[in-house]
All heavy atoms as atom14 arrays in JSON, in Angstrom:
{
  "sequence": "AQHDETAARAGGLRHQIAHLAAALTETEARLADLATTRKAIAELAPA",
  "atom14_mask": [
    [1, 1, 1, 1, 1, 0, 0, 0, 0, 0, 0, 0, 0, 0],
    [1, 1, 1, 1, 1, 1, 1, 1, 1, 0, 0, 0, 0, 0],
    [1, 1, 1, 1, 1, 1, 1, 1, 1, 1, 0, 0, 0, 0],
    [1, 1, 1, 1, 1, 1, 1, 1, 0, 0, 0, 0, 0, 0],
    [1, 1, 1, 1, 1, 1, 1, 1, 1, 0, 0, 0, 0, 0],
    [1, 1, 1, 1, 1, 1, 1, 0, 0, 0, 0, 0, 0, 0],
    [1, 1, 1, 1, 1, 0, 0, 0, 0, 0, 0, 0, 0, 0],
    [1, 1, 1, 1, 1, 0, 0, 0, 0, 0, 0, 0, 0, 0],
    [1, 1, 1, 1, 1, 1, 1, 1, 1, 1, 1, 0, 0, 0],
    [1, 1, 1, 1, 1, 0, 0, 0, 0, 0, 0, 0, 0, 0],
    [1, 1, 1, 1, 0, 0, 0, 0, 0, 0, 0, 0, 0, 0],
    [1, 1, 1, 1, 0, 0, 0, 0, 0, 0, 0, 0, 0, 0],
    [1, 1, 1, 1, 1, 1, 1, 1, 0, 0, 0, 0, 0, 0],
    [1, 1, 1, 1, 1, 1, 1, 1, 1, 1, 1, 0, 0, 0],
    [1, 1, 1, 1, 1, 1, 1, 1, 1, 1, 0, 0, 0, 0],
    [1, 1, 1, 1, 1, 1, 1, 1, 1, 0, 0, 0, 0, 0],
    [1, 1, 1, 1, 1, 1, 1, 1, 0, 0, 0, 0, 0, 0],
    [1, 1, 1, 1, 1, 0, 0, 0, 0, 0, 0, 0, 0, 0],
    [1, 1, 1, 1, 1, 1, 1, 1, 1, 1, 0, 0, 0, 0],
    [1, 1, 1, 1, 1, 1, 1, 1, 0, 0, 0, 0, 0, 0],
    [1, 1, 1, 1, 1, 0, 0, 0, 0, 0, 0, 0, 0, 0],
    [1, 1, 1, 1, 1, 0, 0, 0, 0, 0, 0, 0, 0, 0],
    [1, 1, 1, 1, 1, 0, 0, 0, 0, 0, 0, 0, 0, 0],
    [1, 1, 1, 1, 1, 1, 1, 1, 0, 0, 0, 0, 0, 0],
    [1, 1, 1, 1, 1, 1, 1, 0, 0, 0, 0, 0, 0, 0],
    [1, 1, 1, 1, 1, 1, 1, 1, 1, 0, 0, 0, 0, 0],
    [1, 1, 1, 1, 1, 1, 1, 0, 0, 0, 0, 0, 0, 0],
    [1, 1, 1, 1, 1, 1, 1, 1, 1, 0, 0, 0, 0, 0],
    [1, 1, 1, 1, 1, 0, 0, 0, 0, 0, 0, 0, 0, 0],
    [1, 1, 1, 1, 1, 1, 1, 1, 1, 1, 1, 0, 0, 0],
    [1, 1, 1, 1, 1, 1, 1, 1, 0, 0, 0, 0, 0, 0],
    [1, 1, 1, 1, 1, 0, 0, 0, 0, 0, 0, 0, 0, 0],
    [1, 1, 1, 1, 1, 1, 1, 1, 0, 0, 0, 0, 0, 0],
    [1, 1, 1, 1, 1, 1, 1, 1, 0, 0, 0, 0, 0, 0],
    [1, 1, 1, 1, 1, 0, 0, 0, 0, 0, 0, 0, 0, 0],
    [1, 1, 1, 1, 1, 1, 1, 0, 0, 0, 0, 0, 0, 0],
    [1, 1, 1, 1, 1, 1, 1, 0, 0, 0, 0, 0, 0, 0],
    [1, 1, 1, 1, 1, 1, 1, 1, 1, 1, 1, 0, 0, 0],
    [1, 1, 1, 1, 1, 1, 1, 1, 1, 0, 0, 0, 0, 0],
    [1, 1, 1, 1, 1, 0, 0, 0, 0, 0, 0, 0, 0, 0],
    [1, 1, 1, 1, 1, 1, 1, 1, 0, 0, 0, 0, 0, 0],
    [1, 1, 1, 1, 1, 0, 0, 0, 0, 0, 0, 0, 0, 0],
    [1, 1, 1, 1, 1, 1, 1, 1, 1, 0, 0, 0, 0, 0],
    [1, 1, 1, 1, 1, 1, 1, 1, 0, 0, 0, 0, 0, 0],
    [1, 1, 1, 1, 1, 0, 0, 0, 0, 0, 0, 0, 0, 0],
    [1, 1, 1, 1, 1, 1, 1, 0, 0, 0, 0, 0, 0, 0],
    [1, 1, 1, 1, 1, 0, 0, 0, 0, 0, 0, 0, 0, 0]
  ],
  "atom14_positions": [
    [[13.79, -50.18, -46.68], [15.22, -49.99, -46.47], [15.64, -50.65, -45.15], [16.7, -51.34, -45.11], [15.59, -48.52, -46.46], [0.0, 0.0, 0.0], [0.0, 0.0, 0.0], [0.0, 0.0, 0.0], [0.0, 0.0, 0.0], [0.0, 0.0, 0.0], [0.0, 0.0, 0.0], [0.0, 0.0, 0.0], [0.0, 0.0, 0.0], [0.0, 0.0, 0.0]],
    [[14.87, -50.46, -44.09], [15.15, -51.11, -42.82], [15.09, -52.63, -42.97], [15.98, -53.35, -42.42], [14.18, -50.62, -41.73], [14.38, -49.21, -41.31], [13.33, -48.77, -40.3], [12.71, -49.62, -39.63], [13.13, -47.47, -40.2], [0.0, 0.0, 0.0], [0.0, 0.0, 0.0], [0.0, 0.0, 0.0], [0.0, 0.0, 0.0], [0.0, 0.0, 0.0]],
    [[14.13, -53.13, -43.66], [13.98, -54.56, -43.89], [15.21, -55.1, -44.62], [15.76, -56.15, -44.29], [12.69, -54.86, -44.68], [12.58, -56.31, -45.04], [13.11, -56.77, -46.24], [12.07, -57.38, -44.37], [12.85, -58.07, -46.32], [12.25, -58.47, -45.21], [0.0, 0.0, 0.0], [0.0, 0.0, 0.0], [0.0, 0.0, 0.0], [0.0, 0.0, 0.0]],
    [[15.63, -54.39, -45.69], [16.78, -54.83, -46.44], [18.04, -54.87, -45.6], [18.85, -55.82, -45.7], [17.01, -53.91, -47.67], [15.85, -54.03, -48.7], [15.07, -54.99, -48.62], [15.77, -53.14, -49.52], [0.0, 0.0, 0.0], [0.0, 0.0, 0.0], [0.0, 0.0, 0.0], [0.0, 0.0, 0.0], [0.0, 0.0, 0.0], [0.0, 0.0, 0.0]],
    [[18.26, -53.85, -44.75], [19.39, -53.85, -43.87], [19.39, -55.0, -42.88], [20.38, -55.66, -42.63], [19.47, -52.52, -43.1], [19.8, -51.33, -43.95], [19.68, -50.0, -43.22], [19.53, -50.02, -41.96], [19.74, -48.97, -43.85], [0.0, 0.0, 0.0], [0.0, 0.0, 0.0], [0.0, 0.0, 0.0], [0.0, 0.0, 0.0], [0.0, 0.0, 0.0]],
    [[18.21, -55.25, -42.32], [18.01, -56.34, -41.37], [18.26, -57.69, -42.02], [18.92, -58.57, -41.47], [16.62, -56.26, -40.74], [16.43, -55.05, -40.08], [16.42, -57.38, -39.7], [0.0, 0.0, 0.0], [0.0, 0.0, 0.0], [0.0, 0.0, 0.0], [0.0, 0.0, 0.0], [0.0, 0.0, 0.0], [0.0, 0.0, 0.0], [0.0, 0.0, 0.0]],
    [[17.74, -57.85, -43.23], [17.94, -59.08, -43.96], [19.4, -59.32, -44.26], [19.89, -60.44, -44.17], [17.12, -59.08, -45.24], [0.0, 0.0, 0.0], [0.0, 0.0, 0.0], [0.0, 0.0, 0.0], [0.0, 0.0, 0.0], [0.0, 0.0, 0.0], [0.0, 0.0, 0.0], [0.0, 0.0, 0.0], [0.0, 0.0, 0.0], [0.0, 0.0, 0.0]],
    [[20.14, -58.25, -44.58], [21.57, -58.38, -44.9], [22.32, -58.8, -43.62], [23.22, -59.63, -43.65], [22.09, -57.11, -45.44], [0.0, 0.0, 0.0], [0.0, 0.0, 0.0], [0.0, 0.0, 0.0], [0.0, 0.0, 0.0], [0.0, 0.0, 0.0], [0.0, 0.0, 0.0], [0.0, 0.0, 0.0], [0.0, 0.0, 0.0], [0.0, 0.0, 0.0]],
    [[21.99, -58.19, -42.52], [22.61, -58.52, -41.23], [22.34, -59.93, -40.85], [23.21, -60.72, -40.4], [22.16, -57.57, -40.09], [22.89, -56.24, -40.09], [22.7, -55.5, -38.77], [21.31, -55.42, -38.39], [20.51, -54.37, -38.61], [20.97, -53.3, -39.22], [19.28, -54.37, -38.16], [0.0, 0.0, 0.0], [0.0, 0.0, 0.0], [0.0, 0.0, 0.0]],
    [[21.09, -60.38, -41.05], [20.69, -61.75, -40.74], [21.46, -62.74, -41.6], [21.92, -63.77, -41.1], [19.19, -61.96, -40.92], [0.0, 0.0, 0.0], [0.0, 0.0, 0.0], [0.0, 0.0, 0.0], [0.0, 0.0, 0.0], [0.0, 0.0, 0.0], [0.0, 0.0, 0.0], [0.0, 0.0, 0.0], [0.0, 0.0, 0.0], [0.0, 0.0, 0.0]],
    [[21.67, -62.41, -42.86], [22.45, -63.3, -43.74], [23.86, -63.39, -43.27], [24.44, -64.51, -43.26], [0.0, 0.0, 0.0], [0.0, 0.0, 0.0], [0.0, 0.0, 0.0], [0.0, 0.0, 0.0], [0.0, 0.0, 0.0], [0.0, 0.0, 0.0], [0.0, 0.0, 0.0], [0.0, 0.0, 0.0], [0.0, 0.0, 0.0], [0.0, 0.0, 0.0]],
    [[24.46, -62.32, -42.87], [25.81, -62.34, -42.33], [25.91, -63.17, -41.04], [26.84, -63.92, -40.85], [0.0, 0.0, 0.0], [0.0, 0.0, 0.0], [0.0, 0.0, 0.0], [0.0, 0.0, 0.0], [0.0, 0.0, 0.0], [0.0, 0.0, 0.0], [0.0, 0.0, 0.0], [0.0, 0.0, 0.0], [0.0, 0.0, 0.0], [0.0, 0.0, 0.0]],
    [[24.9, -63.01, -40.21], [24.89, -63.8, -38.93], [24.74, -65.29, -39.24], [25.33, -66.13, -38.57], [23.78, -63.3, -38.01], [24.01, -61.93, -37.39], [22.8, -61.49, -36.64], [25.26, -61.93, -36.48], [0.0, 0.0, 0.0], [0.0, 0.0, 0.0], [0.0, 0.0, 0.0], [0.0, 0.0, 0.0], [0.0, 0.0, 0.0], [0.0, 0.0, 0.0]],
    [[23.89, -65.62, -40.21], [23.72, -67.02, -40.58], [25.07, -67.6, -41.06], [25.42, -68.76, -40.72], [22.65, -67.2, -41.66], [21.25, -67.27, -41.11], [20.25, -67.71, -42.2], [20.08, -66.7, -43.22], [19.25, -65.64, -43.15], [18.51, -65.51, -42.02], [19.14, -64.79, -44.11], [0.0, 0.0, 0.0], [0.0, 0.0, 0.0], [0.0, 0.0, 0.0]],
    [[25.78, -66.82, -41.84], [27.1, -67.25, -42.34], [28.02, -67.49, -41.15], [28.79, -68.49, -41.08], [27.66, -66.24, -43.3], [29.01, -66.57, -43.8], [29.27, -67.58, -44.65], [30.23, -66.04, -43.46], [30.54, -67.67, -44.91], [31.2, -66.74, -44.2], [0.0, 0.0, 0.0], [0.0, 0.0, 0.0], [0.0, 0.0, 0.0], [0.0, 0.0, 0.0]],
    [[28.09, -66.56, -40.2], [28.93, -66.69, -39.04], [28.6, -67.94, -38.23], [29.44, -68.66, -37.74], [28.89, -65.45, -38.15], [29.6, -64.23, -38.74], [29.49, -63.03, -37.83], [28.72, -62.99, -36.88], [30.28, -62.0, -38.12], [0.0, 0.0, 0.0], [0.0, 0.0, 0.0], [0.0, 0.0, 0.0], [0.0, 0.0, 0.0], [0.0, 0.0, 0.0]],
    [[27.3, -68.13, -38.02], [26.83, -69.3, -37.28], [27.28, -70.62, -37.94], [27.76, -71.56, -37.29], [25.28, -69.24, -37.06], [24.96, -68.18, -36.1], [24.76, -70.62, -36.59], [23.48, -67.85, -36.02], [0.0, 0.0, 0.0], [0.0, 0.0, 0.0], [0.0, 0.0, 0.0], [0.0, 0.0, 0.0], [0.0, 0.0, 0.0], [0.0, 0.0, 0.0]],
    [[27.12, -70.68, -39.25], [27.53, -71.88, -40.03], [29.05, -72.12, -39.85], [29.5, -73.22, -39.63], [27.15, -71.74, -41.48], [0.0, 0.0, 0.0], [0.0, 0.0, 0.0], [0.0, 0.0, 0.0], [0.0, 0.0, 0.0], [0.0, 0.0, 0.0], [0.0, 0.0, 0.0], [0.0, 0.0, 0.0], [0.0, 0.0, 0.0], [0.0, 0.0, 0.0]],
    [[29.82, -71.03, -39.95], [31.27, -71.13, -39.78], [31.61, -71.57, -38.37], [32.48, -72.47, -38.19], [31.94, -69.78, -40.11], [33.38, -69.75, -39.86], [34.27, -70.39, -40.7], [34.13, -69.23, -38.86], [35.52, -70.19, -40.26], [35.45, -69.46, -39.11], [0.0, 0.0, 0.0], [0.0, 0.0, 0.0], [0.0, 0.0, 0.0], [0.0, 0.0, 0.0]],
    [[31.02, -71.02, -37.36], [31.32, -71.41, -35.98], [30.84, -72.82, -35.69], [31.53, -73.54, -34.95], [30.66, -70.42, -35.05], [31.27, -69.0, -35.04], [30.4, -68.04, -34.19], [32.69, -68.99, -34.51], [0.0, 0.0, 0.0], [0.0, 0.0, 0.0], [0.0, 0.0, 0.0], [0.0, 0.0, 0.0], [0.0, 0.0, 0.0], [0.0, 0.0, 0.0]],
    [[29.75, -73.22, -36.28], [29.31, -74.62, -36.05], [30.25, -75.61, -36.66], [30.6, -76.65, -36.05], [27.88, -74.81, -36.65], [0.0, 0.0, 0.0], [0.0, 0.0, 0.0], [0.0, 0.0, 0.0], [0.0, 0.0, 0.0], [0.0, 0.0, 0.0], [0.0, 0.0, 0.0], [0.0, 0.0, 0.0], [0.0, 0.0, 0.0], [0.0, 0.0, 0.0]],
    [[30.83, -75.29, -37.84], [31.78, -76.15, -38.47], [33.08, -76.19, -37.62], [33.69, -77.28, -37.46], [32.08, -75.68, -39.9], [0.0, 0.0, 0.0], [0.0, 0.0, 0.0], [0.0, 0.0, 0.0], [0.0, 0.0, 0.0], [0.0, 0.0, 0.0], [0.0, 0.0, 0.0], [0.0, 0.0, 0.0], [0.0, 0.0, 0.0], [0.0, 0.0, 0.0]],
    [[33.51, -75.02, -37.15], [34.71, -75.0, -36.27], [34.48, -75.82, -34.98], [35.39, -76.51, -34.53], [35.03, -73.55, -35.96], [0.0, 0.0, 0.0], [0.0, 0.0, 0.0], [0.0, 0.0, 0.0], [0.0, 0.0, 0.0], [0.0, 0.0, 0.0], [0.0, 0.0, 0.0], [0.0, 0.0, 0.0], [0.0, 0.0, 0.0], [0.0, 0.0, 0.0]],
    [[33.29, -75.74, -34.42], [33.01, -76.49, -33.19], [33.02, -77.99, -33.5], [33.56, -78.75, -32.72], [31.66, -76.08, -32.65], [31.14, -76.81, -31.42], [32.13, -76.63, -30.25], [29.77, -76.33, -30.99], [0.0, 0.0, 0.0], [0.0, 0.0, 0.0], [0.0, 0.0, 0.0], [0.0, 0.0, 0.0], [0.0, 0.0, 0.0], [0.0, 0.0, 0.0]],
    [[32.48, -78.38, -34.6], [32.47, -79.81, -34.99], [33.88, -80.3, -35.16], [34.27, -81.39, -34.69], [31.66, -80.03, -36.27], [30.31, -79.58, -36.06], [31.67, -81.47, -36.7], [0.0, 0.0, 0.0], [0.0, 0.0, 0.0], [0.0, 0.0, 0.0], [0.0, 0.0, 0.0], [0.0, 0.0, 0.0], [0.0, 0.0, 0.0], [0.0, 0.0, 0.0]],
    [[34.75, -79.5, -35.8], [36.15, -79.86, -36.0], [36.85, -79.99, -34.65], [37.64, -80.9, -34.39], [36.82, -78.89, -36.89], [38.28, -79.22, -37.18], [38.98, -78.2, -38.07], [38.29, -77.43, -38.75], [40.22, -78.21, -38.09], [0.0, 0.0, 0.0], [0.0, 0.0, 0.0], [0.0, 0.0, 0.0], [0.0, 0.0, 0.0], [0.0, 0.0, 0.0]],
    [[36.59, -79.0, -33.78], [37.23, -79.02, -32.46], [36.83, -80.21, -31.65], [37.66, -80.89, -30.97], [36.88, -77.72, -31.7], [37.33, -76.62, -32.47], [37.51, -77.68, -30.3], [0.0, 0.0, 0.0], [0.0, 0.0, 0.0], [0.0, 0.0, 0.0], [0.0, 0.0, 0.0], [0.0, 0.0, 0.0], [0.0, 0.0, 0.0], [0.0, 0.0, 0.0]],
    [[35.52, -80.56, -31.7], [35.08, -81.76, -31.0], [35.72, -83.04, -31.47], [36.09, -83.89, -30.72], [33.53, -81.86, -31.08], [32.82, -80.8, -30.26], [31.34, -80.81, -30.51], [30.85, -81.23, -31.6], [30.58, -80.33, -29.63], [0.0, 0.0, 0.0], [0.0, 0.0, 0.0], [0.0, 0.0, 0.0], [0.0, 0.0, 0.0], [0.0, 0.0, 0.0]],
    [[35.92, -83.11, -32.81], [36.58, -84.3, -33.43], [38.03, -84.36, -32.96], [38.54, -85.44, -32.61], [36.49, -84.25, -34.95], [0.0, 0.0, 0.0], [0.0, 0.0, 0.0], [0.0, 0.0, 0.0], [0.0, 0.0, 0.0], [0.0, 0.0, 0.0], [0.0, 0.0, 0.0], [0.0, 0.0, 0.0], [0.0, 0.0, 0.0], [0.0, 0.0, 0.0]],
    [[38.71, -83.22, -32.92], [40.09, -83.21, -32.49], [40.23, -83.59, -30.99], [41.12, -84.28, -30.59], [40.73, -81.83, -32.72], [40.98, -81.56, -34.13], [41.62, -80.23, -34.36], [41.86, -79.99, -35.79], [42.72, -79.14, -36.24], [43.48, -78.44, -35.43], [42.86, -78.97, -37.53], [0.0, 0.0, 0.0], [0.0, 0.0, 0.0], [0.0, 0.0, 0.0]],
    [[39.27, -83.12, -30.18], [39.27, -83.48, -28.77], [39.06, -84.96, -28.57], [39.7, -85.59, -27.74], [38.21, -82.68, -28.01], [38.55, -81.21, -27.75], [37.32, -80.49, -27.16], [39.76, -81.05, -26.88], [0.0, 0.0, 0.0], [0.0, 0.0, 0.0], [0.0, 0.0, 0.0], [0.0, 0.0, 0.0], [0.0, 0.0, 0.0], [0.0, 0.0, 0.0]],
    [[38.19, -85.58, -29.37], [37.97, -87.0, -29.3], [39.22, -87.71, -29.69], [39.61, -88.73, -29.06], [36.83, -87.37, -30.23], [0.0, 0.0, 0.0], [0.0, 0.0, 0.0], [0.0, 0.0, 0.0], [0.0, 0.0, 0.0], [0.0, 0.0, 0.0], [0.0, 0.0, 0.0], [0.0, 0.0, 0.0], [0.0, 0.0, 0.0], [0.0, 0.0, 0.0]],
    [[39.92, -87.24, -30.72], [41.18, -87.88, -31.14], [42.22, -87.76, -30.0], [42.95, -88.73, -29.74], [41.76, -87.23, -32.4], [40.96, -87.57, -33.66], [40.17, -88.53, -33.61], [41.14, -86.87, -34.66], [0.0, 0.0, 0.0], [0.0, 0.0, 0.0], [0.0, 0.0, 0.0], [0.0, 0.0, 0.0], [0.0, 0.0, 0.0], [0.0, 0.0, 0.0]],
    [[42.27, -86.64, -29.38], [43.22, -86.42, -28.25], [42.92, -87.37, -27.07], [43.8, -87.95, -26.47], [43.26, -85.0, -27.8], [43.94, -84.0, -28.71], [43.68, -82.58, -28.21], [45.39, -84.3, -28.8], [0.0, 0.0, 0.0], [0.0, 0.0, 0.0], [0.0, 0.0, 0.0], [0.0, 0.0, 0.0], [0.0, 0.0, 0.0], [0.0, 0.0, 0.0]],
    [[41.62, -87.56, -26.8], [41.23, -88.45, -25.72], [41.61, -89.87, -26.06], [42.1, -90.57, -25.16], [39.72, -88.33, -25.47], [0.0, 0.0, 0.0], [0.0, 0.0, 0.0], [0.0, 0.0, 0.0], [0.0, 0.0, 0.0], [0.0, 0.0, 0.0], [0.0, 0.0, 0.0], [0.0, 0.0, 0.0], [0.0, 0.0, 0.0], [0.0, 0.0, 0.0]],
    [[41.42, -90.26, -27.31], [41.81, -91.63, -27.77], [43.31, -91.81, -27.59], [43.83, -92.84, -27.14], [41.35, -91.87, -29.17], [39.94, -91.73, -29.24], [41.78, -93.27, -29.64], [0.0, 0.0, 0.0], [0.0, 0.0, 0.0], [0.0, 0.0, 0.0], [0.0, 0.0, 0.0], [0.0, 0.0, 0.0], [0.0, 0.0, 0.0], [0.0, 0.0, 0.0]],
    [[44.09, -90.77, -28.01], [45.53, -90.84, -27.94], [46.0, -90.92, -26.49], [46.87, -91.72, -26.16], [46.15, -89.59, -28.62], [45.74, -89.58, -29.99], [47.67, -89.62, -28.55], [0.0, 0.0, 0.0], [0.0, 0.0, 0.0], [0.0, 0.0, 0.0], [0.0, 0.0, 0.0], [0.0, 0.0, 0.0], [0.0, 0.0, 0.0], [0.0, 0.0, 0.0]],
    [[45.37, -90.08, -25.65], [45.72, -90.13, -24.22], [45.46, -91.47, -23.6], [46.27, -92.02, -22.85], [44.96, -89.03, -23.48], [45.22, -89.1, -21.96], [44.44, -88.03, -21.23], [45.19, -86.77, -21.43], [44.83, -85.65, -20.92], [43.68, -85.51, -20.31], [45.57, -84.57, -21.12], [0.0, 0.0, 0.0], [0.0, 0.0, 0.0], [0.0, 0.0, 0.0]],
    [[44.36, -92.07, -23.99], [44.0, -93.41, -23.5], [45.02, -94.43, -23.95], [45.5, -95.31, -23.15], [42.6, -93.84, -23.93], [42.15, -95.16, -23.36], [40.74, -95.46, -23.82], [40.34, -96.81, -23.3], [38.99, -97.22, -23.76], [0.0, 0.0, 0.0], [0.0, 0.0, 0.0], [0.0, 0.0, 0.0], [0.0, 0.0, 0.0], [0.0, 0.0, 0.0]],
    [[45.39, -94.39, -25.19], [46.41, -95.31, -25.75], [47.75, -95.13, -25.08], [48.42, -96.12, -24.69], [46.58, -95.12, -27.25], [0.0, 0.0, 0.0], [0.0, 0.0, 0.0], [0.0, 0.0, 0.0], [0.0, 0.0, 0.0], [0.0, 0.0, 0.0], [0.0, 0.0, 0.0], [0.0, 0.0, 0.0], [0.0, 0.0, 0.0], [0.0, 0.0, 0.0]],
    [[48.16, -93.94, -24.79], [49.41, -93.65, -24.11], [49.36, -94.18, -22.69], [50.31, -94.76, -22.18], [49.78, -92.14, -24.13], [50.17, -91.76, -25.59], [50.92, -91.84, -23.18], [50.28, -90.24, -25.77], [0.0, 0.0, 0.0], [0.0, 0.0, 0.0], [0.0, 0.0, 0.0], [0.0, 0.0, 0.0], [0.0, 0.0, 0.0], [0.0, 0.0, 0.0]],
    [[48.23, -93.95, -22.06], [48.08, -94.43, -20.64], [48.15, -95.96, -20.6], [48.74, -96.54, -19.66], [46.75, -93.97, -20.05], [0.0, 0.0, 0.0], [0.0, 0.0, 0.0], [0.0, 0.0, 0.0], [0.0, 0.0, 0.0], [0.0, 0.0, 0.0], [0.0, 0.0, 0.0], [0.0, 0.0, 0.0], [0.0, 0.0, 0.0], [0.0, 0.0, 0.0]],
    [[47.63, -96.63, -21.57], [47.7, -98.09, -21.62], [49.11, -98.61, -21.91], [49.5, -99.68, -21.42], [46.75, -98.67, -22.67], [45.29, -98.5, -22.31], [44.33, -98.85, -23.41], [44.77, -99.2, -24.5], [43.1, -98.74, -23.2], [0.0, 0.0, 0.0], [0.0, 0.0, 0.0], [0.0, 0.0, 0.0], [0.0, 0.0, 0.0], [0.0, 0.0, 0.0]],
    [[49.91, -97.86, -22.65], [51.27, -98.24, -23.0], [52.27, -97.83, -21.99], [53.37, -98.45, -21.88], [51.64, -97.63, -24.36], [50.88, -98.18, -25.55], [51.25, -97.38, -26.78], [51.2, -99.65, -25.78], [0.0, 0.0, 0.0], [0.0, 0.0, 0.0], [0.0, 0.0, 0.0], [0.0, 0.0, 0.0], [0.0, 0.0, 0.0], [0.0, 0.0, 0.0]],
    [[51.96, -96.84, -21.14], [52.91, -96.32, -20.13], [53.11, -97.37, -19.07], [52.18, -98.07, -18.71], [52.38, -95.04, -19.53], [0.0, 0.0, 0.0], [0.0, 0.0, 0.0], [0.0, 0.0, 0.0], [0.0, 0.0, 0.0], [0.0, 0.0, 0.0], [0.0, 0.0, 0.0], [0.0, 0.0, 0.0], [0.0, 0.0, 0.0], [0.0, 0.0, 0.0]],
    [[54.3, -97.51, -18.57], [54.58, -98.48, -17.55], [53.85, -98.11, -16.22], [53.62, -96.95, -15.95], [56.07, -98.39, -17.34], [56.56, -97.16, -18.0], [55.52, -96.76, -18.98], [0.0, 0.0, 0.0], [0.0, 0.0, 0.0], [0.0, 0.0, 0.0], [0.0, 0.0, 0.0], [0.0, 0.0, 0.0], [0.0, 0.0, 0.0], [0.0, 0.0, 0.0]],
    [[53.45, -99.15, -15.54], [52.72, -98.95, -14.26], [53.66, -98.34, -13.25], [54.82, -98.58, -13.23], [52.2, -100.3, -13.75], [0.0, 0.0, 0.0], [0.0, 0.0, 0.0], [0.0, 0.0, 0.0], [0.0, 0.0, 0.0], [0.0, 0.0, 0.0], [0.0, 0.0, 0.0], [0.0, 0.0, 0.0], [0.0, 0.0, 0.0], [0.0, 0.0, 0.0]]
  ]
}
């Protein structure tokens, strides 16, 4: 019974880790897009 409870908790934690890893990947991609946009704006902005 203890093993079954621990296995169920571990499965839930694996699911949370996968979700958080996907969210982190998406956030990193958005940050990269923002950095590219900022660079383009800086190049277009008047001196």
